[in-house]
Amino acid sequence: MRLPPYLWLAVAIVAEVIATSALRASEGFTRFVPSAVVIAGYVVAFYCLSMTLRTMPVGIVYAIWSGVGIVLITLVAIVLYRQVPDLAAICGLGLIVAGVVVLNLFSKMQAH
């Protein structure tokens, strides 16, 4: 299927966030449904990530994947698990987002 690379990447990130969120609920892979969600989510995530890497540089893709994923997982943790980040965590997340923005806007590695 021929989709734009950023769409593949967005699906990969969402699938990874779902899988990672279900990882806690799997209780060490002792609960079937959350464990199945983890496995399926990571399969989808890595497939979509591999499709993204067909046309985009790995450094850029991984920066976006990890940066956006970290921020989304933090938001999920706040909503689902009431894990509220402190000021240092918020500053760190802001730096991650800033790094991803700088890579996308100013890096010559960027695929167009």
N, C-alpha and C. Protein backbone atom coordinates (compact mmCIF):
# COMPACT_ATOMS: atom_id res chain seq x y z
N MET A 1 0.85 -1.18 0.00
CA MET A 1 0.00 0.00 0.00
C MET A 1 0.89 1.24 0.00
N ARG A 2 0.60 2.19 -0.84
CA ARG A 2 1.41 3.41 -0.98
C ARG A 2 0.76 4.55 -0.21
N LEU A 3 1.28 4.79 0.99
CA LEU A 3 0.81 5.91 1.81
C LEU A 3 1.95 6.89 2.02
N PRO A 4 1.65 8.14 2.33
CA PRO A 4 2.71 9.09 2.64
C PRO A 4 3.50 8.63 3.87
N PRO A 5 4.81 8.84 3.88
CA PRO A 5 5.63 8.34 4.99
C PRO A 5 5.20 8.87 6.36
N TYR A 6 4.74 10.10 6.42
CA TYR A 6 4.31 10.62 7.72
C TYR A 6 3.03 9.95 8.21
N LEU A 7 2.20 9.48 7.31
CA LEU A 7 1.02 8.73 7.73
C LEU A 7 1.42 7.37 8.29
N TRP A 8 2.36 6.69 7.60
CA TRP A 8 2.88 5.42 8.13
C TRP A 8 3.46 5.64 9.53
N LEU A 9 4.21 6.73 9.68
CA LEU A 9 4.84 7.02 10.96
C LEU A 9 3.80 7.32 12.03
N ALA A 10 2.77 8.05 11.69
CA ALA A 10 1.70 8.36 12.66
C ALA A 10 1.02 7.09 13.14
N VAL A 11 0.72 6.19 12.21
CA VAL A 11 0.09 4.91 12.59
C VAL A 11 1.05 4.11 13.47
N ALA A 12 2.34 4.12 13.11
CA ALA A 12 3.33 3.40 13.91
C ALA A 12 3.38 3.93 15.34
N ILE A 13 3.35 5.24 15.48
CA ILE A 13 3.42 5.85 16.81
C ILE A 13 2.16 5.52 17.62
N VAL A 14 1.00 5.64 17.02
CA VAL A 14 -0.25 5.33 17.73
C VAL A 14 -0.27 3.86 18.14
N ALA A 15 0.13 2.97 17.26
CA ALA A 15 0.16 1.54 17.58
C ALA A 15 1.13 1.25 18.72
N GLU A 16 2.28 1.93 18.71
CA GLU A 16 3.26 1.74 19.78
C GLU A 16 2.74 2.26 21.10
N VAL A 17 2.04 3.38 21.08
CA VAL A 17 1.48 3.94 22.31
C VAL A 17 0.40 3.01 22.88
N ILE A 18 -0.42 2.46 22.01
CA ILE A 18 -1.44 1.50 22.46
C ILE A 18 -0.77 0.27 23.06
N ALA A 19 0.24 -0.25 22.37
CA ALA A 19 0.94 -1.45 22.85
C ALA A 19 1.61 -1.19 24.19
N THR A 20 2.28 -0.07 24.30
CA THR A 20 2.98 0.25 25.55
C THR A 20 2.00 0.47 26.69
N SER A 21 0.88 1.10 26.40
CA SER A 21 -0.15 1.30 27.42
C SER A 21 -0.71 -0.03 27.90
N ALA A 22 -0.91 -0.97 26.99
CA ALA A 22 -1.43 -2.29 27.35
C ALA A 22 -0.39 -3.13 28.09
N LEU A 23 0.87 -2.78 27.94
CA LEU A 23 1.94 -3.55 28.59
C LEU A 23 1.76 -3.57 30.10
N ARG A 24 1.41 -2.45 30.68
CA ARG A 24 1.19 -2.41 32.12
C ARG A 24 0.00 -3.30 32.50
N ALA A 25 -1.07 -3.22 31.71
CA ALA A 25 -2.27 -4.02 32.00
C ALA A 25 -2.05 -5.51 31.80
N SER A 26 -1.03 -5.88 31.04
CA SER A 26 -0.78 -7.31 30.79
C SER A 26 -0.24 -8.03 32.03
N GLU A 27 0.21 -7.24 33.01
CA GLU A 27 0.75 -7.78 34.27
C GLU A 27 1.77 -8.88 34.01
N GLY A 28 2.82 -8.50 33.26
CA GLY A 28 3.90 -9.44 32.97
C GLY A 28 3.48 -10.53 32.01
N PHE A 29 2.60 -10.23 31.09
CA PHE A 29 2.07 -11.18 30.11
C PHE A 29 1.31 -12.34 30.77
N THR A 30 0.67 -12.06 31.90
CA THR A 30 -0.14 -13.07 32.57
C THR A 30 -1.63 -12.93 32.25
N ARG A 31 -2.00 -11.84 31.60
CA ARG A 31 -3.40 -11.62 31.21
C ARG A 31 -3.46 -11.65 29.68
N PHE A 32 -4.34 -12.49 29.15
CA PHE A 32 -4.34 -12.76 27.71
C PHE A 32 -4.67 -11.56 26.85
N VAL A 33 -5.80 -10.89 27.10
CA VAL A 33 -6.24 -9.81 26.20
C VAL A 33 -5.23 -8.66 26.16
N PRO A 34 -4.81 -8.12 27.29
CA PRO A 34 -3.81 -7.06 27.21
C PRO A 34 -2.50 -7.54 26.56
N SER A 35 -2.11 -8.77 26.82
CA SER A 35 -0.90 -9.32 26.20
C SER A 35 -1.04 -9.40 24.68
N ALA A 36 -2.21 -9.80 24.21
CA ALA A 36 -2.47 -9.87 22.77
C ALA A 36 -2.44 -8.47 22.16
N VAL A 37 -2.96 -7.47 22.88
CA VAL A 37 -2.93 -6.09 22.40
C VAL A 37 -1.47 -5.61 22.29
N VAL A 38 -0.66 -5.95 23.27
CA VAL A 38 0.76 -5.58 23.24
C VAL A 38 1.43 -6.16 22.00
N ILE A 39 1.27 -7.45 21.78
CA ILE A 39 1.92 -8.11 20.65
C ILE A 39 1.42 -7.55 19.32
N ALA A 40 0.11 -7.44 19.18
CA ALA A 40 -0.46 -6.92 17.93
C ALA A 40 -0.03 -5.47 17.70
N GLY A 41 -0.04 -4.68 18.75
CA GLY A 41 0.35 -3.27 18.63
C GLY A 41 1.78 -3.11 18.17
N TYR A 42 2.68 -3.90 18.75
CA TYR A 42 4.09 -3.79 18.35
C TYR A 42 4.32 -4.33 16.94
N VAL A 43 3.59 -5.36 16.55
CA VAL A 43 3.70 -5.86 15.16
C VAL A 43 3.29 -4.77 14.18
N VAL A 44 2.13 -4.15 14.43
CA VAL A 44 1.66 -3.07 13.56
C VAL A 44 2.65 -1.90 13.59
N ALA A 45 3.11 -1.54 14.78
CA ALA A 45 4.02 -0.41 14.91
C ALA A 45 5.30 -0.62 14.11
N PHE A 46 5.91 -1.78 14.26
CA PHE A 46 7.18 -2.02 13.58
C PHE A 46 7.00 -2.21 12.08
N TYR A 47 5.88 -2.76 11.66
CA TYR A 47 5.61 -2.85 10.22
C TYR A 47 5.50 -1.45 9.63
N CYS A 48 4.69 -0.61 10.27
CA CYS A 48 4.50 0.75 9.77
C CYS A 48 5.81 1.55 9.84
N LEU A 49 6.58 1.33 10.88
CA LEU A 49 7.87 1.99 10.99
C LEU A 49 8.78 1.57 9.84
N SER A 50 8.77 0.28 9.49
CA SER A 50 9.59 -0.19 8.38
C SER A 50 9.15 0.42 7.06
N MET A 51 7.86 0.65 6.90
CA MET A 51 7.36 1.30 5.69
C MET A 51 7.82 2.76 5.63
N THR A 52 7.85 3.41 6.77
CA THR A 52 8.32 4.79 6.83
C THR A 52 9.79 4.87 6.42
N LEU A 53 10.57 3.90 6.85
CA LEU A 53 12.01 3.92 6.59
C LEU A 53 12.36 3.67 5.12
N ARG A 54 11.38 3.31 4.32
CA ARG A 54 11.65 3.14 2.88
C ARG A 54 11.98 4.47 2.22
N THR A 55 11.46 5.57 2.76
CA THR A 55 11.64 6.87 2.11
C THR A 55 12.20 7.96 3.01
N MET A 56 12.34 7.70 4.29
CA MET A 56 12.84 8.72 5.21
C MET A 56 14.10 8.22 5.92
N PRO A 57 15.01 9.12 6.28
CA PRO A 57 16.22 8.73 7.00
C PRO A 57 15.91 8.19 8.40
N VAL A 58 16.65 7.16 8.78
CA VAL A 58 16.39 6.50 10.06
C VAL A 58 16.55 7.45 11.25
N GLY A 59 17.50 8.37 11.20
CA GLY A 59 17.70 9.30 12.32
C GLY A 59 16.51 10.20 12.54
N ILE A 60 15.94 10.70 11.47
CA ILE A 60 14.76 11.57 11.56
C ILE A 60 13.55 10.77 12.04
N VAL A 61 13.36 9.60 11.44
CA VAL A 61 12.22 8.76 11.81
C VAL A 61 12.29 8.38 13.28
N TYR A 62 13.46 7.97 13.73
CA TYR A 62 13.57 7.53 15.12
C TYR A 62 13.40 8.70 16.09
N ALA A 63 13.87 9.88 15.71
CA ALA A 63 13.68 11.06 16.57
C ALA A 63 12.20 11.37 16.73
N ILE A 64 11.47 11.35 15.63
CA ILE A 64 10.03 11.62 15.69
C ILE A 64 9.32 10.52 16.45
N TRP A 65 9.61 9.27 16.10
CA TRP A 65 9.00 8.09 16.74
C TRP A 65 9.17 8.16 18.26
N SER A 66 10.40 8.34 18.70
CA SER A 66 10.65 8.32 20.14
C SER A 66 10.12 9.57 20.83
N GLY A 67 10.32 10.73 20.22
CA GLY A 67 9.88 11.98 20.85
C GLY A 67 8.38 12.06 21.00
N VAL A 68 7.68 11.83 19.92
CA VAL A 68 6.21 11.89 19.98
C VAL A 68 5.67 10.76 20.86
N GLY A 69 6.28 9.59 20.73
CA GLY A 69 5.86 8.45 21.56
C GLY A 69 5.99 8.73 23.05
N ILE A 70 7.11 9.32 23.44
CA ILE A 70 7.33 9.64 24.86
C ILE A 70 6.28 10.62 25.37
N VAL A 71 6.01 11.64 24.59
CA VAL A 71 5.01 12.63 25.00
C VAL A 71 3.62 11.99 25.09
N LEU A 72 3.25 11.19 24.08
CA LEU A 72 1.92 10.56 24.11
C LEU A 72 1.79 9.55 25.25
N ILE A 73 2.84 8.78 25.50
CA ILE A 73 2.80 7.82 26.61
C ILE A 73 2.66 8.56 27.94
N THR A 74 3.33 9.69 28.06
CA THR A 74 3.19 10.49 29.28
C THR A 74 1.75 10.97 29.45
N LEU A 75 1.13 11.42 28.36
CA LEU A 75 -0.26 11.85 28.44
C LEU A 75 -1.19 10.69 28.81
N VAL A 76 -0.94 9.51 28.23
CA VAL A 76 -1.74 8.34 28.58
C VAL A 76 -1.56 7.99 30.05
N ALA A 77 -0.32 8.07 30.55
CA ALA A 77 -0.05 7.77 31.95
C ALA A 77 -0.76 8.75 32.88
N ILE A 78 -0.85 10.00 32.47
CA ILE A 78 -1.57 10.99 33.27
C ILE A 78 -3.05 10.63 33.34
N VAL A 79 -3.64 10.31 32.18
CA VAL A 79 -5.08 10.05 32.11
C VAL A 79 -5.44 8.70 32.73
N LEU A 80 -4.74 7.64 32.34
CA LEU A 80 -5.13 6.29 32.78
C LEU A 80 -4.60 5.91 34.16
N TYR A 81 -3.39 6.34 34.47
CA TYR A 81 -2.73 5.87 35.70
C TYR A 81 -2.49 6.96 36.73
N ARG A 82 -2.96 8.17 36.43
CA ARG A 82 -2.82 9.31 37.35
C ARG A 82 -1.36 9.56 37.72
N GLN A 83 -0.43 9.32 36.78
CA GLN A 83 0.99 9.55 37.00
C GLN A 83 1.32 10.95 36.48
N VAL A 84 1.26 11.92 37.35
CA VAL A 84 1.45 13.32 36.96
C VAL A 84 2.95 13.65 36.99
N PRO A 85 3.49 14.16 35.86
CA PRO A 85 4.91 14.50 35.83
C PRO A 85 5.21 15.75 36.65
N ASP A 86 6.40 15.78 37.25
CA ASP A 86 6.81 16.97 37.99
C ASP A 86 7.44 17.97 37.02
N LEU A 87 7.91 19.08 37.56
CA LEU A 87 8.44 20.15 36.73
C LEU A 87 9.64 19.68 35.89
N ALA A 88 10.52 18.90 36.49
CA ALA A 88 11.69 18.41 35.75
C ALA A 88 11.26 17.53 34.57
N ALA A 89 10.27 16.69 34.78
CA ALA A 89 9.77 15.84 33.70
C ALA A 89 9.14 16.67 32.59
N ILE A 90 8.39 17.68 32.96
CA ILE A 90 7.77 18.55 31.97
C ILE A 90 8.84 19.29 31.16
N CYS A 91 9.87 19.78 31.84
CA CYS A 91 10.97 20.45 31.13
C CYS A 91 11.67 19.47 30.18
N GLY A 92 11.91 18.26 30.64
CA GLY A 92 12.54 17.25 29.80
C GLY A 92 11.70 16.93 28.58
N LEU A 93 10.40 16.79 28.76
CA LEU A 93 9.51 16.54 27.64
C LEU A 93 9.54 17.72 26.66
N GLY A 94 9.58 18.92 27.19
CA GLY A 94 9.67 20.10 26.33
C GLY A 94 10.95 20.10 25.50
N LEU A 95 12.05 19.67 26.10
CA LEU A 95 13.31 19.58 25.36
C LEU A 95 13.24 18.52 24.26
N ILE A 96 12.58 17.41 24.55
CA ILE A 96 12.42 16.37 23.54
C ILE A 96 11.61 16.89 22.36
N VAL A 97 10.51 17.56 22.65
CA VAL A 97 9.68 18.13 21.59
C VAL A 97 10.48 19.16 20.80
N ALA A 98 11.23 19.99 21.49
CA ALA A 98 12.05 21.00 20.81
C ALA A 98 13.08 20.33 19.90
N GLY A 99 13.67 19.24 20.34
CA GLY A 99 14.63 18.51 19.53
C GLY A 99 14.01 17.95 18.26
N VAL A 100 12.83 17.39 18.38
CA VAL A 100 12.13 16.86 17.21
C VAL A 100 11.79 17.97 16.24
N VAL A 101 11.34 19.11 16.76
CA VAL A 101 11.00 20.25 15.90
C VAL A 101 12.24 20.75 15.17
N VAL A 102 13.36 20.89 15.89
CA VAL A 102 14.60 21.36 15.26
C VAL A 102 15.04 20.40 14.16
N LEU A 103 14.99 19.10 14.44
CA LEU A 103 15.37 18.12 13.41
C LEU A 103 14.50 18.24 12.17
N ASN A 104 13.22 18.41 12.37
CA ASN A 104 12.30 18.48 11.23
C ASN A 104 12.38 19.79 10.46
N LEU A 105 12.62 20.88 11.15
CA LEU A 105 12.63 22.17 10.47
C LEU A 105 13.98 22.56 9.90
N PHE A 106 15.06 22.15 10.56
CA PHE A 106 16.37 22.68 10.19
C PHE A 106 17.37 21.64 9.70
N SER A 107 17.10 20.37 9.87
CA SER A 107 18.07 19.35 9.48
C SER A 107 18.08 19.16 7.97
N LYS A 108 19.25 19.00 7.42
CA LYS A 108 19.39 18.71 5.99
C LYS A 108 19.18 17.21 5.73
N MET A 109 19.05 16.40 6.79
CA MET A 109 18.77 14.97 6.64
C MET A 109 17.34 14.71 6.20
N GLN A 110 16.49 15.67 6.42
CA GLN A 110 15.06 15.50 6.17
C GLN A 110 14.76 15.08 4.74
N ALA A 111 13.96 14.05 4.59
CA ALA A 111 13.52 13.62 3.25
C ALA A 111 12.33 14.47 2.81
N HIS A 112 12.33 14.91 1.59
CA HIS A 112 11.22 15.73 1.06
C HIS A 112 10.57 15.04 -0.09
